Amino acid sequence: MADLPDTMLAAYLTELGGPERIRIGHLPVPVPGPTDVLVRTELMAVNHVDTFVRSGGYRTHTPFPFVIGRDLVGSVARTGEGVDEFAIEEKVWCNSLGHQGRQGSFSELAVVPRERLYRLPAQADPATAASVLHTAATAYLGLFRTGSLRLGETVFVAGAAGGVGSAAVQLAVAAGARVIAAAAPEDFDWCRRCGADLLIDYRDQALPALLEAAAPEGFDLWWDNSGRHDLDLAVPLLKRGGRIIALAGMAARPVLPMGALYTRDASIRGFAISNASAADLAEAAPVINDLLATKRLISRINATYPLTAAAEAHRQMEVGVKGRILVASDPDPG
């Protein structure tokens, strides 16, 4: 491959397990197929689902050596012979690698199918973009495809200070919804920056009464990102036709108040971003780009690690640090 090295630095697995299974070393530079693009990576993000894939908690095809990571921001290094819509050195992003046999993003160069690659707006901050690509796509598909959110509806978001929660607040507000959010008091200011109309301490013993007072006619959409899934609380507070989105808490076994659910014509809708098709993600991409270009999509970045510290980045995600964790191809990301 002219003007490209034969090998690249990568964070990869040879077996599933804990963060200590992540190896750092050189792998052959992948060759893009006819409809692929080879991307020179700059910034990547660590997501909870990345830790599930790495550990084997979320089963998907991981051909070893398997490069970890889902998201990237970078620039086009080479295109397949059938690709003419991307130019060399053009800034791009992807949020769906490292799944279903696709090698991941934690390497100096990554192959991306062209239908999963999108241009990064010139006005977008690359670090902000890298930190929200996964969470914003999750929020978009959860709210609009799965949750059928409409203008003027009332939404409850639990776990609103987290990555997906704060993205859900921002996208719901941008769509004209009223958002009631639950978080810890120390995160209230952040949630207000995201646009939440009303903040409630999720640990408050008066939570049911506070929620009922906040939305006396009930909630149209209920999204619990915390994984607690208190359906005894949620279902009686839904409007007729209300929807509950379930995407967190894989081990949760909540009690379901069936009578209150079906007499409201309500529903519980499961959603996993990993099941999203390329067409689903492509639908979300222009919305994400518009919000990034106009600075209406914000994120809290906790730290940026070099690629060589990918294992530590995964450890930090698993202990639950606040804010997004980025990984940079640059050995000294500052």
C-alpha atoms as a PDB file:
ATOM      1  CA  MET A   1       0.000   0.000   0.000  1.00  0.00           C
ATOM      2  CA  ALA A   2       1.868   3.065  -1.238  1.00  0.00           C
ATOM      3  CA  ASP A   3       2.261   5.883   1.293  1.00  0.00           C
ATOM      4  CA  LEU A   4       0.876   3.704   4.100  1.00  0.00           C
ATOM      5  CA  PRO A   5       2.827   1.536   6.575  1.00  0.00           C
ATOM      6  CA  ASP A   6       2.582  -2.252   6.583  1.00  0.00           C
ATOM      7  CA  THR A   7       1.591  -2.382  10.252  1.00  0.00           C
ATOM      8  CA  MET A   8      -0.334  -0.222  12.703  1.00  0.00           C
ATOM      9  CA  LEU A   9      -0.598   0.118  16.459  1.00  0.00           C
ATOM     10  CA  ALA A  10      -3.826  -1.383  17.804  1.00  0.00           C
ATOM     11  CA  ALA A  11      -5.608  -2.357  21.011  1.00  0.00           C
ATOM     12  CA  TYR A  12      -6.936  -5.859  20.488  1.00  0.00           C
ATOM     13  CA  LEU A  13      -8.049  -9.123  22.061  1.00  0.00           C
ATOM     14  CA  THR A  14      -6.951 -12.690  21.515  1.00  0.00           C
ATOM     15  CA  GLU A  15      -9.565 -13.918  23.999  1.00  0.00           C
ATOM     16  CA  LEU A  16     -12.540 -12.433  25.804  1.00  0.00           C
ATOM     17  CA  GLY A  17     -12.302 -11.301  29.402  1.00  0.00           C
ATOM     18  CA  GLY A  18     -11.446  -8.373  31.644  1.00  0.00           C
ATOM     19  CA  PRO A  19      -9.526  -5.221  30.722  1.00  0.00           C
ATOM     20  CA  GLU A  20      -6.291  -7.092  31.342  1.00  0.00           C
ATOM     21  CA  ARG A  21      -7.029  -9.104  28.187  1.00  0.00           C
ATOM     22  CA  ILE A  22      -6.506  -5.998  26.032  1.00  0.00           C
ATOM     23  CA  ARG A  23      -3.197  -6.209  24.207  1.00  0.00           C
ATOM     24  CA  ILE A  24      -1.300  -3.343  22.639  1.00  0.00           C
ATOM     25  CA  GLY A  25       0.797  -4.155  19.603  1.00  0.00           C
ATOM     26  CA  HIS A  26       1.221  -3.930  15.869  1.00  0.00           C
ATOM     27  CA  LEU A  27      -1.163  -5.626  13.448  1.00  0.00           C
ATOM     28  CA  PRO A  28      -1.160  -5.601   9.636  1.00  0.00           C
ATOM     29  CA  VAL A  29      -2.833  -2.551   8.130  1.00  0.00           C
ATOM     30  CA  PRO A  30      -6.227  -3.760   6.855  1.00  0.00           C
ATOM     31  CA  VAL A  31      -6.978  -3.586   3.156  1.00  0.00           C
ATOM     32  CA  PRO A  32     -10.300  -1.925   2.293  1.00  0.00           C
ATOM     33  CA  GLY A  33     -12.680  -3.873   0.094  1.00  0.00           C
ATOM     34  CA  PRO A  34     -14.326  -2.374  -2.992  1.00  0.00           C
ATOM     35  CA  THR A  35     -17.007  -0.600  -0.943  1.00  0.00           C
ATOM     36  CA  ASP A  36     -14.908   0.196   2.128  1.00  0.00           C
ATOM     37  CA  VAL A  37     -12.957   3.211   3.317  1.00  0.00           C
ATOM     38  CA  LEU A  38      -9.668   3.063   5.217  1.00  0.00           C
ATOM     39  CA  VAL A  39      -9.758   5.745   7.931  1.00  0.00           C
ATOM     40  CA  ARG A  40      -6.789   7.209   9.784  1.00  0.00           C
ATOM     41  CA  THR A  41      -8.186   7.462  13.312  1.00  0.00           C
ATOM     42  CA  GLU A  42      -7.759  10.463  15.588  1.00  0.00           C
ATOM     43  CA  LEU A  43     -10.199  10.047  18.488  1.00  0.00           C
ATOM     44  CA  MET A  44     -12.285   7.146  19.722  1.00  0.00           C
ATOM     45  CA  ALA A  45     -14.657   6.735  22.673  1.00  0.00           C
ATOM     46  CA  VAL A  46     -15.194   4.014  25.252  1.00  0.00           C
ATOM     47  CA  ASN A  47     -18.811   2.872  25.614  1.00  0.00           C
ATOM     48  CA  HIS A  48     -20.431   0.488  28.071  1.00  0.00           C
ATOM     49  CA  VAL A  49     -21.233  -1.841  25.189  1.00  0.00           C
ATOM     50  CA  ASP A  50     -17.512  -2.008  24.366  1.00  0.00           C
ATOM     51  CA  THR A  51     -16.871  -3.506  27.793  1.00  0.00           C
ATOM     52  CA  PHE A  52     -19.739  -5.965  27.281  1.00  0.00           C
ATOM     53  CA  VAL A  53     -18.285  -7.119  23.959  1.00  0.00           C
ATOM     54  CA  ARG A  54     -14.776  -7.372  25.399  1.00  0.00           C
ATOM     55  CA  SER A  55     -15.940  -9.428  28.391  1.00  0.00           C
ATOM     56  CA  GLY A  56     -18.308 -11.679  26.448  1.00  0.00           C
ATOM     57  CA  GLY A  57     -21.346 -10.267  28.263  1.00  0.00           C
ATOM     58  CA  TYR A  58     -22.776  -9.225  24.896  1.00  0.00           C
ATOM     59  CA  ARG A  59     -22.212 -12.028  22.424  1.00  0.00           C
ATOM     60  CA  THR A  60     -21.170 -11.064  18.932  1.00  0.00           C
ATOM     61  CA  HIS A  61     -18.686 -12.400  16.396  1.00  0.00           C
ATOM     62  CA  THR A  62     -15.167 -11.354  17.437  1.00  0.00           C
ATOM     63  CA  PRO A  63     -12.605 -12.807  14.996  1.00  0.00           C
ATOM     64  CA  PHE A  64      -9.241 -12.892  16.790  1.00  0.00           C
ATOM     65  CA  PRO A  65      -7.090 -10.886  16.897  1.00  0.00           C
ATOM     66  CA  PHE A  66     -10.064  -8.601  17.469  1.00  0.00           C
ATOM     67  CA  VAL A  67      -9.583  -4.839  17.564  1.00  0.00           C
ATOM     68  CA  ILE A  68     -11.851  -3.286  20.205  1.00  0.00           C
ATOM     69  CA  GLY A  69     -13.896  -0.100  19.985  1.00  0.00           C
ATOM     70  CA  ARG A  70     -16.991   1.164  18.227  1.00  0.00           C
ATOM     71  CA  ASP A  71     -16.653   4.894  17.504  1.00  0.00           C
ATOM     72  CA  LEU A  72     -14.068   6.963  15.676  1.00  0.00           C
ATOM     73  CA  VAL A  73     -13.372  10.406  14.313  1.00  0.00           C
ATOM     74  CA  GLY A  74     -10.632  10.549  11.723  1.00  0.00           C
ATOM     75  CA  SER A  75      -9.747  11.249   8.107  1.00  0.00           C
ATOM     76  CA  VAL A  76      -9.944   9.244   4.908  1.00  0.00           C
ATOM     77  CA  ALA A  77      -6.657   7.508   4.105  1.00  0.00           C
ATOM     78  CA  ARG A  78      -7.767   5.338   1.193  1.00  0.00           C
ATOM     79  CA  THR A  79     -10.996   4.305  -0.527  1.00  0.00           C
ATOM     80  CA  GLY A  80     -12.082   1.091  -2.182  1.00  0.00           C
ATOM     81  CA  GLU A  81     -12.405   1.096  -5.950  1.00  0.00           C
ATOM     82  CA  GLY A  82     -16.197   1.315  -5.722  1.00  0.00           C
ATOM     83  CA  VAL A  83     -16.229   4.350  -3.414  1.00  0.00           C
ATOM     84  CA  ASP A  84     -16.319   7.823  -4.929  1.00  0.00           C
ATOM     85  CA  GLU A  85     -18.269   9.846  -2.355  1.00  0.00           C
ATOM     86  CA  PHE A  86     -15.355  10.402   0.062  1.00  0.00           C
ATOM     87  CA  ALA A  87     -12.172  12.336  -0.643  1.00  0.00           C
ATOM     88  CA  ILE A  88      -8.700  11.595   0.733  1.00  0.00           C
ATOM     89  CA  GLU A  89      -8.038  13.539   3.975  1.00  0.00           C
ATOM     90  CA  GLU A  90     -11.756  14.327   4.393  1.00  0.00           C
ATOM     91  CA  LYS A  91     -12.851  14.367   8.046  1.00  0.00           C
ATOM     92  CA  VAL A  92     -15.256  11.544   8.829  1.00  0.00           C
ATOM     93  CA  TRP A  93     -16.846   9.570  11.654  1.00  0.00           C
ATOM     94  CA  CYS A  94     -18.344   6.169  12.384  1.00  0.00           C
ATOM     95  CA  ASN A  95     -20.186   4.718  15.374  1.00  0.00           C
ATOM     96  CA  SER A  96     -20.759   1.059  14.493  1.00  0.00           C
ATOM     97  CA  LEU A  97     -17.473  -0.856  14.330  1.00  0.00           C
ATOM     98  CA  GLY A  98     -16.416  -3.678  16.659  1.00  0.00           C
ATOM     99  CA  HIS A  99     -19.617  -5.679  16.224  1.00  0.00           C
ATOM    100  CA  GLN A 100     -20.919  -8.605  14.138  1.00  0.00           C
ATOM    101  CA  GLY A 101     -17.447  -9.443  12.870  1.00  0.00           C
ATOM    102  CA  ARG A 102     -16.433  -5.897  12.012  1.00  0.00           C
ATOM    103  CA  GLN A 103     -13.028  -5.042  13.458  1.00  0.00           C
ATOM    104  CA  GLY A 104     -13.072  -2.149  15.906  1.00  0.00           C
ATOM    105  CA  SER A 105     -11.813   1.402  15.949  1.00  0.00           C
ATOM    106  CA  PHE A 106      -8.964   1.265  18.490  1.00  0.00           C
ATOM    107  CA  SER A 107      -6.167   1.258  15.941  1.00  0.00           C
ATOM    108  CA  GLU A 108      -4.237   3.791  13.930  1.00  0.00           C
ATOM    109  CA  LEU A 109      -6.111   2.762  10.777  1.00  0.00           C
ATOM    110  CA  ALA A 110      -9.576   1.204  10.541  1.00  0.00           C
ATOM    111  CA  VAL A 111     -11.688  -0.142   7.687  1.00  0.00           C
ATOM    112  CA  VAL A 112     -15.232   1.242   7.620  1.00  0.00           C
ATOM    113  CA  PRO A 113     -17.994   0.131   5.207  1.00  0.00           C
ATOM    114  CA  ARG A 114     -18.998   3.224   3.257  1.00  0.00           C
ATOM    115  CA  GLU A 115     -22.643   2.945   4.348  1.00  0.00           C
ATOM    116  CA  ARG A 116     -21.485   3.333   7.968  1.00  0.00           C
ATOM    117  CA  LEU A 117     -19.237   6.337   7.390  1.00  0.00           C
ATOM    118  CA  TYR A 118     -20.344   9.986   7.576  1.00  0.00           C
ATOM    119  CA  ARG A 119     -18.703  13.347   6.969  1.00  0.00           C
ATOM    120  CA  LEU A 120     -17.810  15.432  10.019  1.00  0.00           C
ATOM    121  CA  PRO A 121     -19.044  19.033   9.669  1.00  0.00           C
ATOM    122  CA  ALA A 122     -16.243  21.584   9.513  1.00  0.00           C
ATOM    123  CA  GLN A 123     -17.880  23.474  12.395  1.00  0.00           C
ATOM    124  CA  ALA A 124     -17.890  20.424  14.683  1.00  0.00           C
ATOM    125  CA  ASP A 125     -15.372  19.986  17.472  1.00  0.00           C
ATOM    126  CA  PRO A 126     -13.746  16.552  16.944  1.00  0.00           C
ATOM    127  CA  ALA A 127     -13.526  15.741  20.667  1.00  0.00           C
ATOM    128  CA  THR A 128     -17.170  16.623  21.274  1.00  0.00           C
ATOM    129  CA  ALA A 129     -18.138  14.592  18.233  1.00  0.00           C
ATOM    130  CA  ALA A 130     -16.182  11.522  19.311  1.00  0.00           C
ATOM    131  CA  SER A 131     -17.757  11.677  22.759  1.00  0.00           C
ATOM    132  CA  VAL A 132     -21.373  11.738  21.529  1.00  0.00           C
ATOM    133  CA  LEU A 133     -21.443   9.594  18.373  1.00  0.00           C
ATOM    134  CA  HIS A 134     -22.665   6.471  20.143  1.00  0.00           C
ATOM    135  CA  THR A 135     -24.809   8.140  22.784  1.00  0.00           C
ATOM    136  CA  ALA A 136     -26.531  10.544  20.390  1.00  0.00           C
ATOM    137  CA  ALA A 137     -27.354   7.779  17.914  1.00  0.00           C
ATOM    138  CA  THR A 138     -28.726   5.715  20.790  1.00  0.00           C
ATOM    139  CA  ALA A 139     -30.812   8.666  21.960  1.00  0.00           C
ATOM    140  CA  TYR A 140     -32.122   9.414  18.469  1.00  0.00           C
ATOM    141  CA  LEU A 141     -33.184   5.856  17.711  1.00  0.00           C
ATOM    142  CA  GLY A 142     -34.544   5.303  21.195  1.00  0.00           C
ATOM    143  CA  LEU A 143     -36.626   8.469  21.198  1.00  0.00           C
ATOM    144  CA  PHE A 144     -37.906   8.516  17.624  1.00  0.00           C
ATOM    145  CA  ARG A 145     -37.728   5.040  16.108  1.00  0.00           C
ATOM    146  CA  THR A 146     -38.506   3.025  19.241  1.00  0.00           C
ATOM    147  CA  GLY A 147     -40.226   5.617  21.416  1.00  0.00           C
ATOM    148  CA  SER A 148     -42.260   7.351  18.655  1.00  0.00           C
ATOM    149  CA  LEU A 149     -41.641  10.732  20.286  1.00  0.00           C
ATOM    150  CA  ARG A 150     -43.780  13.590  18.988  1.00  0.00           C
ATOM    151  CA  LEU A 151     -43.673  17.368  19.344  1.00  0.00           C
ATOM    152  CA  GLY A 152     -45.040  18.615  22.655  1.00  0.00           C
ATOM    153  CA  GLU A 153     -44.925  15.299  24.502  1.00  0.00           C
ATOM    154  CA  THR A 154     -43.687  14.911  28.063  1.00  0.00           C
ATOM    155  CA  VAL A 155     -40.652  12.700  28.629  1.00  0.00           C
ATOM    156  CA  PHE A 156     -39.128  11.314  31.803  1.00  0.00           C
ATOM    157  CA  VAL A 157     -35.407  10.481  31.671  1.00  0.00           C
ATOM    158  CA  ALA A 158     -33.819   8.653  34.602  1.00  0.00           C
ATOM    159  CA  GLY A 159     -30.048   8.507  34.728  1.00  0.00           C
ATOM    160  CA  ALA A 160     -30.104  11.833  32.902  1.00  0.00           C
ATOM    161  CA  ALA A 161     -26.518  12.784  33.775  1.00  0.00           C
ATOM    162  CA  GLY A 162     -24.967   9.824  31.952  1.00  0.00           C
ATOM    163  CA  GLY A 163     -23.863   9.709  28.338  1.00  0.00           C
ATOM    164  CA  VAL A 164     -27.039   8.287  26.833  1.00  0.00           C
ATOM    165  CA  GLY A 165     -29.264  10.039  29.363  1.00  0.00           C
ATOM    166  CA  SER A 166     -27.879  13.493  28.679  1.00  0.00           C
ATOM    167  CA  ALA A 167     -28.020  12.901  24.919  1.00  0.00           C
ATOM    168  CA  ALA A 168     -31.643  11.805  25.274  1.00  0.00           C
ATOM    169  CA  VAL A 169     -32.454  14.991  27.178  1.00  0.00           C
ATOM    170  CA  GLN A 170     -30.816  17.159  24.514  1.00  0.00           C
ATOM    171  CA  LEU A 171     -32.438  15.453  21.532  1.00  0.00           C
ATOM    172  CA  ALA A 172     -35.864  15.380  23.167  1.00  0.00           C
ATOM    173  CA  VAL A 173     -35.651  19.098  23.955  1.00  0.00           C
ATOM    174  CA  ALA A 174     -34.450  19.840  20.417  1.00  0.00           C
ATOM    175  CA  ALA A 175     -37.552  18.020  19.152  1.00  0.00           C
ATOM    176  CA  GLY A 176     -39.893  20.180  21.200  1.00  0.00           C
ATOM    177  CA  ALA A 177     -40.560  17.807  24.094  1.00  0.00           C
ATOM    178  CA  ARG A 178     -40.811  18.732  27.759  1.00  0.00           C
ATOM    179  CA  VAL A 179     -38.234  16.749  29.733  1.00  0.00           C
ATOM    180  CA  ILE A 180     -38.411  15.829  33.409  1.00  0.00           C
ATOM    181  CA  ALA A 181     -35.076  14.345  34.496  1.00  0.00           C
ATOM    182  CA  ALA A 182     -33.877  12.374  37.505  1.00  0.00           C
ATOM    183  CA  ALA A 183     -30.252  12.568  38.605  1.00  0.00           C
ATOM    184  CA  ALA A 184     -28.098  13.161  41.664  1.00  0.00           C
ATOM    185  CA  PRO A 185     -28.178  16.796  42.888  1.00  0.00           C
ATOM    186  CA  GLU A 186     -24.499  17.299  42.054  1.00  0.00           C
ATOM    187  CA  ASP A 187     -25.419  16.686  38.394  1.00  0.00           C
ATOM    188  CA  PHE A 188     -28.387  19.075  38.259  1.00  0.00           C
ATOM    189  CA  ASP A 189     -26.402  21.918  36.692  1.00  0.00           C
ATOM    190  CA  TRP A 190     -25.177  19.635  33.913  1.00  0.00           C
ATOM    191  CA  CYS A 191     -28.687  18.358  33.220  1.00  0.00           C
ATOM    192  CA  ARG A 192     -29.980  21.928  33.069  1.00  0.00           C
ATOM    193  CA  ARG A 193     -27.290  22.724  30.504  1.00  0.00           C
ATOM    194  CA  CYS A 194     -28.671  19.833  28.490  1.00  0.00           C
ATOM    195  CA  GLY A 195     -32.117  21.443  28.581  1.00  0.00           C
ATOM    196  CA  ALA A 196     -34.071  19.526  31.228  1.00  0.00           C
ATOM    197  CA  ASP A 197     -37.196  21.414  32.264  1.00  0.00           C
ATOM    198  CA  LEU A 198     -37.312  20.029  35.803  1.00  0.00           C
ATOM    199  CA  LEU A 199     -34.750  18.087  37.877  1.00  0.00           C
ATOM    200  CA  ILE A 200     -35.630  15.595  40.610  1.00  0.00           C
ATOM    201  CA  ASP A 201     -33.266  13.768  42.963  1.00  0.00           C
ATOM    202  CA  TYR A 202     -33.664  10.107  42.065  1.00  0.00           C
ATOM    203  CA  ARG A 203     -33.060   9.158  45.726  1.00  0.00           C
ATOM    204  CA  ASP A 204     -35.843  11.386  47.080  1.00  0.00           C
ATOM    205  CA  GLN A 205     -38.338   9.328  49.080  1.00  0.00           C
ATOM    206  CA  ALA A 206     -41.115  11.521  47.677  1.00  0.00           C
ATOM    207  CA  LEU A 207     -40.179  10.671  44.076  1.00  0.00           C
ATOM    208  CA  PRO A 208     -43.610   9.266  43.082  1.00  0.00           C
ATOM    209  CA  ALA A 209     -45.427  12.347  44.347  1.00  0.00           C
ATOM    210  CA  LEU A 210     -42.868  14.691  42.773  1.00  0.00           C
ATOM    211  CA  LEU A 211     -43.234  12.996  39.401  1.00  0.00           C
ATOM    212  CA  GLU A 212     -47.023  13.050  39.579  1.00  0.00           C
ATOM    213  CA  ALA A 213     -46.934  16.763  40.399  1.00  0.00           C
ATOM    214  CA  ALA A 214     -44.482  17.425  37.560  1.00  0.00           C
ATOM    215  CA  ALA A 215     -46.721  15.719  34.986  1.00  0.00           C
ATOM    216  CA  PRO A 216     -50.260  15.495  36.376  1.00  0.00           C
ATOM    217  CA  GLU A 217     -51.605  14.274  33.038  1.00  0.00           C
ATOM    218  CA  GLY A 218     -48.952  11.584  32.876  1.00  0.00           C
ATOM    219  CA  PHE A 219     -45.833  10.876  30.836  1.00  0.00           C
ATOM    220  CA  ASP A 220     -45.876  10.059  27.158  1.00  0.00           C
ATOM    221  CA  LEU A 221     -42.420   8.503  27.204  1.00  0.00           C
ATOM    222  CA  TRP A 222     -40.436   6.981  30.076  1.00  0.00           C
ATOM    223  CA  TRP A 223     -36.742   6.202  29.632  1.00  0.00           C
ATOM    224  CA  ASP A 224     -34.782   4.753  32.561  1.00  0.00           C
ATOM    225  CA  ASN A 225     -31.077   4.732  31.696  1.00  0.00           C
ATOM    226  CA  SER A 226     -30.114   3.687  35.208  1.00  0.00           C
ATOM    227  CA  GLY A 227     -31.160   0.076  34.716  1.00  0.00           C
ATOM    228  CA  ARG A 228     -33.348   0.025  37.865  1.00  0.00           C
ATOM    229  CA  HIS A 229     -36.635  -0.329  35.959  1.00  0.00           C
ATOM    230  CA  ASP A 230     -39.110   0.338  38.752  1.00  0.00           C
ATOM    231  CA  LEU A 231     -42.241  -0.509  36.764  1.00  0.00           C
ATOM    232  CA  ASP A 232     -44.434  -0.191  39.853  1.00  0.00           C
ATOM    233  CA  LEU A 233     -43.417   3.470  39.790  1.00  0.00           C
ATOM    234  CA  ALA A 234     -43.417   3.998  36.037  1.00  0.00           C
ATOM    235  CA  VAL A 235     -46.566   2.365  34.723  1.00  0.00           C
ATOM    236  CA  PRO A 236     -49.156   4.228  36.868  1.00  0.00           C
ATOM    237  CA  LEU A 237     -47.546   7.529  35.801  1.00  0.00           C
ATOM    238  CA  LEU A 238     -47.969   6.902  32.073  1.00  0.00           C
ATOM    239  CA  LYS A 239     -50.560   8.592  29.917  1.00  0.00           C
ATOM    240  CA  ARG A 240     -52.876   6.474  27.842  1.00  0.00           C
ATOM    241  CA  GLY A 241     -50.705   5.161  25.033  1.00  0.00           C
ATOM    242  CA  GLY A 242     -47.538   5.874  27.014  1.00  0.00           C
ATOM    243  CA  ARG A 243     -44.329   4.077  26.138  1.00  0.00           C
ATOM    244  CA  ILE A 244     -41.483   2.764  28.278  1.00  0.00           C
ATOM    245  CA  ILE A 245     -38.094   2.341  26.605  1.00  0.00           C
ATOM    246  CA  ALA A 246     -35.973  -0.501  27.992  1.00  0.00           C
ATOM    247  CA  LEU A 247     -32.311  -0.520  26.989  1.00  0.00           C
ATOM    248  CA  ALA A 248     -30.301  -0.835  30.219  1.00  0.00           C
ATOM    249  CA  GLY A 249     -30.116  -3.279  33.117  1.00  0.00           C
ATOM    250  CA  MET A 250     -29.536  -6.627  31.427  1.00  0.00           C
ATOM    251  CA  ALA A 251     -29.806  -8.458  34.763  1.00  0.00           C
ATOM    252  CA  ALA A 252     -32.902  -6.555  35.970  1.00  0.00           C
ATOM    253  CA  ARG A 253     -36.014  -8.588  36.858  1.00  0.00           C
ATOM    254  CA  PRO A 254     -38.686  -5.967  37.605  1.00  0.00           C
ATOM    255  CA  VAL A 255     -42.245  -6.661  38.712  1.00  0.00           C
ATOM    256  CA  LEU A 256     -44.735  -5.761  35.970  1.00  0.00           C
ATOM    257  CA  PRO A 257     -48.089  -4.261  37.049  1.00  0.00           C
ATOM    258  CA  MET A 258     -49.888  -5.815  34.121  1.00  0.00           C
ATOM    259  CA  GLY A 259     -53.343  -4.401  34.750  1.00  0.00           C
ATOM    260  CA  ALA A 260     -52.142  -0.808  34.918  1.00  0.00           C
ATOM    261  CA  LEU A 261     -50.103  -1.374  31.741  1.00  0.00           C
ATOM    262  CA  TYR A 262     -52.757  -2.760  29.420  1.00  0.00           C
ATOM    263  CA  THR A 263     -55.603  -0.574  30.643  1.00  0.00           C
ATOM    264  CA  ARG A 264     -53.537   2.440  29.578  1.00  0.00           C
ATOM    265  CA  ASP A 265     -52.831   0.993  26.132  1.00  0.00           C
ATOM    266  CA  ALA A 266     -49.221   1.375  27.244  1.00  0.00           C
ATOM    267  CA  SER A 267     -46.201  -0.561  26.058  1.00  0.00           C
ATOM    268  CA  ILE A 268     -42.646  -1.499  27.001  1.00  0.00           C
ATOM    269  CA  ARG A 269     -40.300  -1.378  24.045  1.00  0.00           C
ATOM    270  CA  GLY A 270     -36.906  -3.025  24.146  1.00  0.00           C
ATOM    271  CA  PHE A 271     -34.065  -1.394  22.263  1.00  0.00           C
ATOM    272  CA  ALA A 272     -30.369  -2.184  21.729  1.00  0.00           C
ATOM    273  CA  ILE A 273     -28.268   0.130  19.576  1.00  0.00           C
ATOM    274  CA  SER A 274     -26.243  -2.881  18.429  1.00  0.00           C
ATOM    275  CA  ASN A 275     -29.328  -4.131  16.578  1.00  0.00           C
ATOM    276  CA  ALA A 276     -29.644  -0.906  14.593  1.00  0.00           C
ATOM    277  CA  SER A 277     -29.260  -1.366  10.858  1.00  0.00           C
ATOM    278  CA  ALA A 278     -26.965   0.711   8.677  1.00  0.00           C
ATOM    279  CA  ALA A 279     -30.105   2.478   7.421  1.00  0.00           C
ATOM    280  CA  ASP A 280     -31.179   3.284  11.000  1.00  0.00           C
ATOM    281  CA  LEU A 281     -27.786   4.791  11.787  1.00  0.00           C
ATOM    282  CA  ALA A 282     -27.742   6.712   8.522  1.00  0.00           C
ATOM    283  CA  GLU A 283     -31.095   8.252   9.477  1.00  0.00           C
ATOM    284  CA  ALA A 284     -29.628   9.459  12.767  1.00  0.00           C
ATOM    285  CA  ALA A 285     -26.376  10.786  11.248  1.00  0.00           C
ATOM    286  CA  PRO A 286     -27.657  14.058   9.695  1.00  0.00           C
ATOM    287  CA  VAL A 287     -29.464  14.973  12.909  1.00  0.00           C
ATOM    288  CA  ILE A 288     -26.278  14.381  14.898  1.00  0.00           C
ATOM    289  CA  ASN A 289     -24.251  16.379  12.373  1.00  0.00           C
ATOM    290  CA  ASP A 290     -26.679  19.295  12.462  1.00  0.00           C
ATOM    291  CA  LEU A 291     -26.578  19.449  16.257  1.00  0.00           C
ATOM    292  CA  LEU A 292     -22.773  19.188  16.262  1.00  0.00           C
ATOM    293  CA  ALA A 293     -22.390  21.886  13.609  1.00  0.00           C
ATOM    294  CA  THR A 294     -24.633  24.282  15.516  1.00  0.00           C
ATOM    295  CA  LYS A 295     -23.054  23.485  18.916  1.00  0.00           C
ATOM    296  CA  ARG A 296     -26.366  22.221  20.292  1.00  0.00           C
ATOM    297  CA  LEU A 297     -24.961  18.814  21.248  1.00  0.00           C
ATOM    298  CA  ILE A 298     -22.658  18.978  24.247  1.00  0.00           C
ATOM    299  CA  SER A 299     -20.811  16.424  26.302  1.00  0.00           C
ATOM    300  CA  ARG A 300     -18.759  16.084  29.488  1.00  0.00           C
ATOM    301  CA  ILE A 301     -15.340  14.618  28.745  1.00  0.00           C
ATOM    302  CA  ASN A 302     -13.653  13.072  31.773  1.00  0.00           C
ATOM    303  CA  ALA A 303     -10.275  12.164  30.245  1.00  0.00           C
ATOM    304  CA  THR A 304      -8.459  11.351  27.036  1.00  0.00           C
ATOM    305  CA  TYR A 305      -6.075   8.380  27.098  1.00  0.00           C
ATOM    306  CA  PRO A 306      -3.470   7.376  24.528  1.00  0.00           C
ATOM    307  CA  LEU A 307      -4.179   4.217  22.556  1.00  0.00           C
ATOM    308  CA  THR A 308      -1.508   2.428  24.584  1.00  0.00           C
ATOM    309  CA  ALA A 309      -3.654   2.956  27.716  1.00  0.00           C
ATOM    310  CA  ALA A 310      -6.824   1.407  26.266  1.00  0.00           C
ATOM    311  CA  ALA A 311      -7.046  -1.115  29.129  1.00  0.00           C
ATOM    312  CA  GLU A 312      -7.035   1.674  31.705  1.00  0.00           C
ATOM    313  CA  ALA A 313      -9.702   3.516  29.721  1.00  0.00           C
ATOM    314  CA  HIS A 314     -11.872   0.383  29.916  1.00  0.00           C
ATOM    315  CA  ARG A 315     -11.221   0.071  33.660  1.00  0.00           C
ATOM    316  CA  GLN A 316     -12.330   3.645  34.208  1.00  0.00           C
ATOM    317  CA  MET A 317     -15.544   3.008  32.276  1.00  0.00           C
ATOM    318  CA  GLU A 318     -16.288  -0.035  34.411  1.00  0.00           C
ATOM    319  CA  VAL A 319     -15.804   1.768  37.727  1.00  0.00           C
ATOM    320  CA  GLY A 320     -18.314   4.385  36.594  1.00  0.00           C
ATOM    321  CA  VAL A 321     -16.405   7.645  36.326  1.00  0.00           C
ATOM    322  CA  LYS A 322     -18.480  10.665  35.396  1.00  0.00           C
ATOM    323  CA  GLY A 323     -18.049  12.020  31.914  1.00  0.00           C
ATOM    324  CA  ARG A 324     -17.041  10.452  28.640  1.00  0.00           C
ATOM    325  CA  ILE A 325     -13.726   8.653  28.167  1.00  0.00           C
ATOM    326  CA  LEU A 326     -11.847   9.196  24.923  1.00  0.00           C
ATOM    327  CA  VAL A 327      -8.858   7.409  23.410  1.00  0.00           C
ATOM    328  CA  ALA A 328      -6.499   9.138  21.003  1.00  0.00           C
ATOM    329  CA  SER A 329      -4.268   7.634  18.329  1.00  0.00           C
ATOM    330  CA  ASP A 330      -1.749  10.357  19.167  1.00  0.00           C
ATOM    331  CA  PRO A 331       0.642   8.879  21.747  1.00  0.00           C
ATOM    332  CA  ASP A 332       0.548  12.185  23.630  1.00  0.00           C
ATOM    333  CA  PRO A 333      -3.068  13.439  23.496  1.00  0.00           C
ATOM    334  CA  GLY A 334      -2.429  16.148  26.055  1.00  0.00           C
END
